[in-house]
Amino acid sequence: MTPRDLLSLAVDSCVDAAKLLRDIHVDVSAKGTYDQVSSADVEVEAFLRSALVAGAPGSAVVGEELGSSSAPVTWYVDPIDGTRNFVRGLPLSCISVAAAVDGVLVAGCVLDPFRDELFTAAVGVPFSVQSSGLVITPGSSPRPLVLTDIPLPGSPYTGEMELLGELLALADVRRVYSTALSLAWVATGRADAAANIGVFPWDVAAGAVLVREAGGEFHSIGTNAFVAGRGEIVQWLAQRVEGIVS
């Protein structure tokens, strides 16, 4: 399958999965000290796994809730990125699916079911946004706008509060608590950069494809951090995040 084919399958699967959210009764349980998992996370991931593997026989899935495996074609699935927002009814979460071929990310899809916005891109397929709601063309501002959840509760790292203080002096900062949605917004130009520490592959895979195919930079830092975006703020953030996690 080509990257375009994989993207098409990801999009169809995400759109169908989003329909499940309208009828799912949401039960919530703790997942660690600070995190949560809902019945919606598990049901949507199970649906996506079935749809993606059926559409691409022999492929494997790396998912947040139901385990990981590998194959020449591997899917990275986050059924609800931003669960803590979702369970409180805050419309800041999304469904995120990416495809990798022989370990290289080639297609990404992020679907915001609250705004009915679909962000897509693949190798050879330009970044695009489809939305049925109000869309404002991003304008310029005197300071860069940065999306970051640093510091997260319970983080083992030092220096994160200092980084946030420095960042507030240089940029407008928003805390979204959905990494995939933040990266989609960076790709479309609504923010200049995004950075987080304590992320997993399923959090960033689709968003990394979106940002890169939209002409931005995506930098993995260490094993669990990233910085992405455009402009001078990206290198500034990358240096400071690397100093924290190294």
Protein backbone atom coordinates (compact mmCIF):
# COMPACT_ATOMS: atom_id res chain seq x y z
CA MET A 1 0.00 0.00 0.00
CA THR A 2 1.21 3.51 -0.80
CA PRO A 3 1.28 6.32 1.80
CA ARG A 4 -1.83 7.70 0.11
CA ASP A 5 -3.59 4.35 0.52
CA LEU A 6 -2.58 4.14 4.17
CA LEU A 7 -3.81 7.68 4.79
CA SER A 8 -7.15 6.90 3.17
CA LEU A 9 -7.58 3.85 5.40
CA ALA A 10 -6.61 5.89 8.49
CA VAL A 11 -9.13 8.60 7.62
CA ASP A 12 -11.99 6.18 7.00
CA SER A 13 -11.23 4.36 10.25
CA CYS A 14 -11.07 7.59 12.28
CA VAL A 15 -14.33 8.90 10.84
CA ASP A 16 -16.12 5.65 11.62
CA ALA A 17 -14.57 5.48 15.09
CA ALA A 18 -15.77 9.01 15.90
CA LYS A 19 -19.36 7.88 15.33
CA LEU A 20 -18.99 5.46 18.23
CA LEU A 21 -18.42 8.34 20.64
CA ARG A 22 -22.01 9.49 20.24
CA ASP A 23 -23.37 6.28 21.75
CA ILE A 24 -20.67 5.13 24.19
CA HIS A 25 -21.47 5.26 27.90
CA VAL A 26 -18.30 6.68 29.42
CA ASP A 27 -16.92 4.98 32.53
CA VAL A 28 -13.63 6.26 33.95
CA SER A 29 -10.94 4.54 35.99
CA ALA A 30 -7.49 5.54 37.21
CA LYS A 31 -4.40 4.68 35.19
CA GLY A 32 -1.48 5.47 37.44
CA THR A 33 -1.36 8.31 39.93
CA TYR A 34 -2.18 11.17 37.58
CA ASP A 35 -3.71 9.60 34.47
CA GLN A 36 -7.12 8.19 33.57
CA VAL A 37 -8.62 5.77 31.06
CA SER A 38 -12.23 5.67 29.93
CA SER A 39 -14.39 2.99 28.40
CA ALA A 40 -14.43 5.16 25.27
CA ASP A 41 -10.63 4.89 24.96
CA VAL A 42 -10.79 1.09 25.04
CA GLU A 43 -13.77 0.70 22.70
CA VAL A 44 -12.48 3.17 20.12
CA GLU A 45 -9.02 1.61 20.11
CA ALA A 46 -10.47 -1.87 19.69
CA PHE A 47 -12.51 -0.63 16.72
CA LEU A 48 -9.53 1.11 15.13
CA ARG A 49 -7.32 -1.95 15.53
CA SER A 50 -9.86 -4.14 13.81
CA ALA A 51 -10.51 -1.68 10.97
CA LEU A 52 -6.85 -0.89 10.29
CA VAL A 53 -5.61 -4.48 10.30
CA ALA A 54 -8.56 -5.60 8.18
CA GLY A 55 -7.79 -2.87 5.65
CA ALA A 56 -4.05 -3.58 5.66
CA PRO A 57 -3.64 -7.33 6.29
CA GLY A 58 -0.43 -8.22 8.06
CA SER A 59 -0.02 -4.79 9.59
CA ALA A 60 0.52 -4.27 13.32
CA VAL A 61 -0.72 -1.73 15.87
CA VAL A 62 1.02 0.25 18.58
CA GLY A 63 -1.77 1.57 20.79
CA GLU A 64 -2.12 3.36 24.08
CA GLU A 65 -4.57 1.02 25.76
CA LEU A 66 -4.37 -2.47 24.21
CA GLY A 67 -0.68 -3.18 23.68
CA SER A 68 1.86 -3.09 20.88
CA SER A 69 3.27 -5.22 18.09
CA SER A 70 5.37 -4.56 15.00
CA ALA A 71 5.34 -5.39 11.29
CA PRO A 72 6.57 -3.77 8.06
CA VAL A 73 3.44 -1.58 8.22
CA THR A 74 2.78 -0.38 11.76
CA TRP A 75 -0.08 1.81 12.96
CA TYR A 76 0.26 4.22 15.89
CA VAL A 77 -3.14 4.70 17.49
CA ASP A 78 -4.31 7.07 20.20
CA PRO A 79 -8.07 6.51 20.49
CA ILE A 80 -8.67 9.63 22.58
CA ASP A 81 -5.70 11.93 22.97
CA GLY A 82 -6.69 14.23 25.80
CA THR A 83 -8.65 11.78 27.94
CA ARG A 84 -8.58 14.02 31.01
CA ASN A 85 -10.28 16.74 28.97
CA PHE A 86 -12.70 14.28 27.38
CA VAL A 87 -14.02 12.81 30.63
CA ARG A 88 -14.73 16.30 31.97
CA GLY A 89 -16.58 17.31 28.84
CA LEU A 90 -13.92 19.77 27.70
CA PRO A 91 -13.83 19.78 23.87
CA LEU A 92 -10.04 19.45 23.66
CA SER A 93 -9.32 15.90 22.53
CA CYS A 94 -8.98 13.97 19.30
CA ILE A 95 -8.52 10.62 17.60
CA SER A 96 -5.01 10.15 16.22
CA VAL A 97 -3.75 7.52 13.76
CA ALA A 98 -0.40 7.33 11.95
CA ALA A 99 1.19 4.75 9.67
CA ALA A 100 4.86 3.80 9.48
CA VAL A 101 6.50 1.66 6.80
CA ASP A 102 9.72 -0.08 7.85
CA GLY A 103 9.93 2.26 10.82
CA VAL A 104 9.45 5.50 8.87
CA LEU A 105 6.31 7.54 9.48
CA VAL A 106 4.53 8.12 6.16
CA ALA A 107 0.92 9.11 6.94
CA GLY A 108 -0.96 10.85 9.72
CA CYS A 109 -4.57 11.66 10.53
CA VAL A 110 -5.96 13.65 13.48
CA LEU A 111 -9.72 13.99 13.88
CA ASP A 112 -11.27 16.48 16.29
CA PRO A 113 -14.80 15.11 16.78
CA PHE A 114 -16.01 18.18 18.68
CA ARG A 115 -15.27 20.65 15.88
CA ASP A 116 -15.60 18.09 13.09
CA GLU A 117 -12.10 18.96 11.90
CA LEU A 118 -9.92 16.49 10.06
CA PHE A 119 -6.18 17.09 9.70
CA THR A 120 -4.37 14.86 7.20
CA ALA A 121 -1.03 14.47 5.44
CA ALA A 122 1.21 11.77 3.99
CA VAL A 123 4.39 11.47 1.99
CA GLY A 124 3.31 12.73 -1.41
CA VAL A 125 -0.02 14.04 -0.04
CA PRO A 126 0.00 17.70 1.09
CA PHE A 127 -1.23 18.69 4.53
CA SER A 128 -4.90 19.64 4.54
CA VAL A 129 -7.69 20.54 6.94
CA GLN A 130 -11.36 19.77 6.44
CA SER A 131 -13.76 21.51 8.80
CA SER A 132 -17.50 22.01 8.97
CA GLY A 133 -17.22 24.75 11.58
CA LEU A 134 -15.97 28.32 11.71
CA VAL A 135 -12.36 28.55 10.51
CA ILE A 136 -10.30 31.72 10.93
CA THR A 137 -7.20 32.18 8.77
CA PRO A 138 -4.31 32.35 11.25
CA GLY A 139 -2.87 35.85 11.58
CA SER A 140 0.40 37.15 12.97
CA SER A 141 1.13 38.35 16.50
CA PRO A 142 4.03 40.23 18.08
CA ARG A 143 5.09 37.19 20.12
CA PRO A 144 5.13 33.53 19.11
CA LEU A 145 2.32 31.35 20.38
CA VAL A 146 3.50 28.10 22.00
CA LEU A 147 1.42 25.11 23.06
CA THR A 148 2.91 23.15 25.96
CA ASP A 149 1.78 21.14 28.97
CA ILE A 150 5.18 21.46 30.66
CA PRO A 151 5.36 20.79 33.57
CA LEU A 152 3.06 17.79 33.99
CA PRO A 153 2.03 16.68 37.49
CA GLY A 154 4.45 14.17 38.97
CA SER A 155 7.23 14.87 36.50
CA PRO A 156 10.61 13.46 37.64
CA TYR A 157 12.57 16.25 35.92
CA THR A 158 13.92 19.46 37.39
CA GLY A 159 14.05 22.76 35.55
CA GLU A 160 10.57 22.60 34.02
CA MET A 161 9.13 25.48 36.07
CA GLU A 162 12.16 27.57 35.16
CA LEU A 163 11.59 26.77 31.48
CA LEU A 164 7.93 27.77 31.75
CA GLY A 165 8.91 31.06 33.36
CA GLU A 166 11.41 31.83 30.60
CA LEU A 167 8.89 30.85 27.95
CA LEU A 168 6.20 33.12 29.39
CA ALA A 169 8.61 36.02 29.04
CA LEU A 170 9.12 35.27 25.34
CA ALA A 171 5.83 33.89 24.06
CA ASP A 172 2.11 33.51 24.51
CA VAL A 173 1.56 30.09 26.08
CA ARG A 174 -1.47 27.80 25.98
CA ARG A 175 -1.94 24.49 27.83
CA VAL A 176 -4.07 22.13 25.73
CA TYR A 177 -3.46 18.68 27.30
CA SER A 178 -3.81 16.99 23.92
CA THR A 179 -0.46 16.59 22.20
CA ALA A 180 -1.88 15.35 18.89
CA LEU A 181 -4.31 18.26 18.70
CA SER A 182 -1.54 20.71 19.57
CA LEU A 183 0.61 19.37 16.74
CA ALA A 184 -2.30 19.57 14.30
CA TRP A 185 -2.80 23.22 15.26
CA VAL A 186 0.90 23.91 14.76
CA ALA A 187 0.73 22.30 11.32
CA THR A 188 -2.14 24.57 10.31
CA GLY A 189 -0.43 27.71 11.63
CA ARG A 190 -2.64 28.41 14.63
CA ALA A 191 0.40 28.16 16.87
CA ASP A 192 4.10 28.65 16.14
CA ALA A 193 5.42 25.77 18.23
CA ALA A 194 4.51 22.91 20.53
CA ALA A 195 6.65 21.10 23.09
CA ASN A 196 5.99 18.40 25.68
CA ILE A 197 7.86 16.04 27.97
CA GLY A 198 6.50 12.64 29.02
CA VAL A 199 4.98 11.65 25.69
CA PHE A 200 4.68 8.26 23.98
CA PRO A 201 4.91 7.30 20.29
CA TRP A 202 1.13 7.22 19.83
CA ASP A 203 0.90 10.79 21.18
CA VAL A 204 3.15 12.29 18.53
CA ALA A 205 3.27 10.01 15.47
CA ALA A 206 0.38 11.47 13.48
CA GLY A 207 1.17 15.03 14.51
CA ALA A 208 4.80 14.65 13.47
CA VAL A 209 3.69 13.73 9.94
CA LEU A 210 1.29 16.70 9.83
CA VAL A 211 3.90 19.22 10.94
CA ARG A 212 6.62 17.95 8.60
CA GLU A 213 4.36 17.76 5.55
CA ALA A 214 3.09 21.29 6.35
CA GLY A 215 6.65 22.59 6.14
CA GLY A 216 7.51 22.69 9.84
CA GLU A 217 10.12 20.97 11.99
CA PHE A 218 9.58 18.06 14.35
CA HIS A 219 12.38 17.11 16.74
CA SER A 220 12.24 14.03 18.97
CA ILE A 221 14.27 14.69 22.12
CA GLY A 222 15.45 11.80 24.25
CA THR A 223 12.95 8.99 24.54
CA ASN A 224 9.89 10.94 25.67
CA ALA A 225 9.99 14.58 24.57
CA PHE A 226 9.61 16.67 21.42
CA VAL A 227 9.62 20.19 20.04
CA ALA A 228 7.87 21.10 16.79
CA GLY A 229 6.97 24.18 14.83
CA ARG A 230 8.42 27.02 12.79
CA GLY A 231 10.73 29.93 13.49
CA GLU A 232 13.49 30.76 15.96
CA ILE A 233 11.44 29.66 18.97
CA VAL A 234 11.79 26.02 17.86
CA GLN A 235 15.57 25.85 18.32
CA TRP A 236 15.37 27.82 21.56
CA LEU A 237 12.82 25.36 22.95
CA ALA A 238 14.70 22.32 21.67
CA GLN A 239 17.89 23.33 23.46
CA ARG A 240 16.10 23.87 26.76
CA VAL A 241 14.01 20.73 26.60
CA GLU A 242 17.10 18.68 25.77
CA GLY A 243 18.83 20.19 28.79
CA ILE A 244 15.98 19.04 31.02
CA VAL A 245 15.60 15.44 29.79
CA SER A 246 19.27 14.64 29.10
